[in-house]
Amino acid sequence: MYKQVIVLRGDLKLSRGKLAVQAAHAAVIGYELSDKRIIEKWKFEGQKKIALRVNSERELFELRDRARRAGLVAEVVRDAGLTEVPPGTPTALVIGPDEERKIDRITGNLPLFR
């Protein structure tokens, strides 16, 4: 089983539209950086994605670092700053797609973004 996790910062209080766009950026980045064999398996299973929440920039980067140490694709999305936040603001993190069990070791304790 494969999935992709998108972690969004709850402390920024972004609008729903802005959150959707940041999650979309993250999903595309993860897709572009991942191993093509994993991508094919993930696509075959329906491209499962989960949106999770952290409450600070520090948490976002700590999570990225943990995921990278575990050998996962993990990249932070930085906003262009044209609307709600200053340029370069880290807004989201993508992990994977990859095997669920590998990602869950890193993100299993995080709450869903609601």
Protein backbone atom coordinates (compact mmCIF):
# COMPACT_ATOMS: atom_id res chain seq x y z
CA MET A 1 0.00 0.00 0.00
CA TYR A 2 1.27 3.44 -1.01
CA LYS A 3 0.33 6.97 -0.09
CA GLN A 4 1.46 10.57 -0.14
CA VAL A 5 1.23 12.80 2.91
CA ILE A 6 0.81 16.56 2.74
CA VAL A 7 1.50 18.39 5.97
CA LEU A 8 0.06 21.89 6.28
CA ARG A 9 0.86 24.59 8.81
CA GLY A 10 -2.15 25.35 10.99
CA ASP A 11 -0.49 28.36 12.62
CA LEU A 12 -0.66 30.44 9.41
CA LYS A 13 -4.48 30.59 9.38
CA LEU A 14 -4.58 30.41 5.58
CA SER A 15 -7.87 30.58 3.70
CA ARG A 16 -9.31 27.31 2.39
CA GLY A 17 -8.43 28.28 -1.16
CA LYS A 18 -4.85 29.05 -0.22
CA LEU A 19 -4.55 25.74 1.66
CA ALA A 20 -5.86 23.89 -1.39
CA VAL A 21 -3.29 25.53 -3.64
CA GLN A 22 -0.42 24.83 -1.24
CA ALA A 23 -1.48 21.18 -1.00
CA ALA A 24 -1.63 20.99 -4.79
CA HIS A 25 1.89 22.40 -5.06
CA ALA A 26 3.08 19.82 -2.55
CA ALA A 27 1.41 16.92 -4.38
CA VAL A 28 3.03 17.88 -7.68
CA ILE A 29 6.47 18.31 -6.09
CA GLY A 30 6.25 14.88 -4.46
CA TYR A 31 5.15 13.33 -7.75
CA GLU A 32 8.04 14.91 -9.65
CA LEU A 33 10.71 13.88 -7.13
CA SER A 34 9.62 10.30 -6.44
CA ASP A 35 10.93 7.10 -7.98
CA LYS A 36 8.90 6.22 -11.08
CA ARG A 37 8.35 2.60 -9.94
CA ILE A 38 6.78 3.87 -6.72
CA ILE A 39 4.71 6.39 -8.68
CA GLU A 40 3.27 3.65 -10.87
CA LYS A 41 2.28 1.51 -7.87
CA TRP A 42 0.77 4.54 -6.12
CA LYS A 43 -1.21 5.52 -9.22
CA PHE A 44 -2.48 1.95 -9.67
CA GLU A 45 -3.80 2.01 -6.08
CA GLY A 46 -5.67 5.31 -6.58
CA GLN A 47 -3.08 7.95 -5.56
CA LYS A 48 -3.97 8.01 -1.86
CA LYS A 49 -3.22 11.36 -0.21
CA ILE A 50 -3.58 12.39 3.42
CA ALA A 51 -3.55 15.98 4.74
CA LEU A 52 -2.03 16.39 8.19
CA ARG A 53 -1.37 19.37 10.45
CA VAL A 54 1.56 20.88 12.31
CA ASN A 55 1.45 24.09 14.30
CA SER A 56 4.76 25.73 13.49
CA GLU A 57 7.48 26.20 10.93
CA ARG A 58 9.90 24.41 13.26
CA GLU A 59 7.68 21.30 13.34
CA LEU A 60 7.46 21.34 9.55
CA PHE A 61 11.23 21.34 9.10
CA GLU A 62 11.83 18.78 11.85
CA LEU A 63 9.38 16.46 10.12
CA ARG A 64 11.08 17.03 6.78
CA ASP A 65 14.45 16.16 8.29
CA ARG A 66 13.11 12.98 9.93
CA ALA A 67 11.52 11.87 6.65
CA ARG A 68 14.71 12.47 4.69
CA ARG A 69 16.78 10.54 7.25
CA ALA A 70 14.34 7.66 6.71
CA GLY A 71 15.03 7.76 2.97
CA LEU A 72 11.72 9.33 1.96
CA VAL A 73 11.12 12.10 -0.54
CA ALA A 74 10.33 15.16 1.57
CA GLU A 75 10.20 18.73 0.34
CA VAL A 76 8.89 21.99 1.78
CA VAL A 77 6.63 24.29 -0.25
CA ARG A 78 7.47 27.98 -0.01
CA ASP A 79 4.84 30.51 -1.02
CA ALA A 80 5.51 33.18 -3.66
CA GLY A 81 3.99 35.78 -1.35
CA LEU A 82 1.51 37.29 -3.76
CA THR A 83 -1.55 37.06 -1.51
CA GLU A 84 -1.74 35.98 2.14
CA VAL A 85 1.81 35.49 3.43
CA PRO A 86 5.25 37.04 2.82
CA PRO A 87 7.41 35.65 -0.01
CA GLY A 88 9.29 32.49 0.92
CA THR A 89 6.98 31.48 3.76
CA PRO A 90 7.11 27.70 4.29
CA THR A 91 3.49 26.58 4.06
CA ALA A 92 3.46 22.83 3.48
CA LEU A 93 5.52 19.67 3.33
CA VAL A 94 5.10 16.71 1.03
CA ILE A 95 6.29 13.25 1.99
CA GLY A 96 6.20 10.61 -0.71
CA PRO A 97 4.46 8.93 -2.30
CA ASP A 98 6.00 5.82 -0.80
CA GLU A 99 5.02 2.78 1.23
CA GLU A 100 2.47 3.63 3.92
CA ARG A 101 4.39 1.81 6.65
CA LYS A 102 7.50 3.94 6.02
CA ILE A 103 5.56 7.21 6.02
CA ASP A 104 3.48 6.25 9.07
CA ARG A 105 6.66 5.88 11.13
CA ILE A 106 7.26 9.58 10.57
CA THR A 107 3.73 11.03 10.52
CA GLY A 108 1.60 8.51 12.41
CA ASN A 109 1.16 10.78 15.44
CA LEU A 110 0.01 13.89 13.54
CA PRO A 111 -3.64 14.98 13.43
CA LEU A 112 -5.61 15.29 10.22
CA PHE A 113 -5.89 18.82 8.87
CA ARG A 114 -9.52 19.86 9.44
